[in-house]
């Protein structure tokens, strides 16, 4: 498989996952404050790790 075909396949899979996540989220209850805090902490750790890799 060429890198272009591989990229296209990856984009399709990511799109399918995004649509599936949206369908699941439609009827989901809202996040609690604790869940929001955990998500924010994970995103901050990810951002910090990304910055360290760039530097």
Protein backbone atom coordinates (compact mmCIF):
# COMPACT_ATOMS: atom_id res chain seq x y z
CA UNK A 1 0.00 0.00 0.00
CA UNK A 2 1.38 3.40 -0.95
CA UNK A 3 1.76 6.13 1.62
CA UNK A 4 -1.03 8.09 -0.09
CA UNK A 5 -3.38 5.09 0.09
CA UNK A 6 -2.32 4.50 3.68
CA UNK A 7 -3.03 8.14 4.56
CA UNK A 8 -6.43 7.95 2.90
CA UNK A 9 -7.26 4.73 4.76
CA UNK A 10 -6.15 6.29 8.04
CA UNK A 11 -8.31 9.36 7.38
CA UNK A 12 -11.33 7.12 6.68
CA UNK A 13 -10.80 5.19 9.92
CA UNK A 14 -10.42 8.39 11.93
CA UNK A 15 -13.56 9.79 10.33
CA UNK A 16 -15.48 6.60 11.14
CA UNK A 17 -14.29 6.78 14.76
CA UNK A 18 -15.30 10.43 15.04
CA UNK A 19 -18.79 9.70 13.70
CA UNK A 20 -19.20 6.73 16.03
CA UNK A 21 -18.11 8.89 18.97
CA UNK A 22 -20.63 11.55 18.03
CA UNK A 23 -23.44 9.00 17.92
CA UNK A 24 -22.47 7.69 21.36
CA UNK A 25 -22.22 11.19 22.80
CA UNK A 26 -25.66 12.27 21.61
CA UNK A 27 -27.49 10.49 24.43
CA UNK A 28 -24.72 10.57 27.02
CA UNK A 29 -25.22 12.39 30.30
CA UNK A 30 -23.15 15.54 30.86
CA UNK A 31 -19.71 15.16 32.38
CA UNK A 32 -19.31 15.68 36.09
CA UNK A 33 -16.91 18.35 37.36
CA UNK A 34 -14.49 15.56 38.36
CA UNK A 35 -14.56 14.10 34.85
CA UNK A 36 -13.93 17.53 33.34
CA UNK A 37 -10.98 18.03 35.68
CA UNK A 38 -9.52 14.68 34.61
CA UNK A 39 -9.89 15.50 30.91
CA UNK A 40 -8.25 18.90 31.41
CA UNK A 41 -5.36 17.28 33.31
CA UNK A 42 -4.84 14.74 30.51
CA UNK A 43 -4.87 17.45 27.85
CA UNK A 44 -2.38 19.53 29.82
CA UNK A 45 -0.04 16.55 30.22
CA UNK A 46 -0.32 15.85 26.51
CA UNK A 47 0.40 19.50 25.68
CA UNK A 48 3.40 19.55 28.03
CA UNK A 49 4.79 16.36 26.48
CA UNK A 50 4.33 17.78 22.98
CA UNK A 51 6.18 20.95 23.91
CA UNK A 52 9.08 18.93 25.34
CA UNK A 53 9.32 16.93 22.12
CA UNK A 54 9.42 20.10 20.03
CA UNK A 55 12.10 21.79 22.16
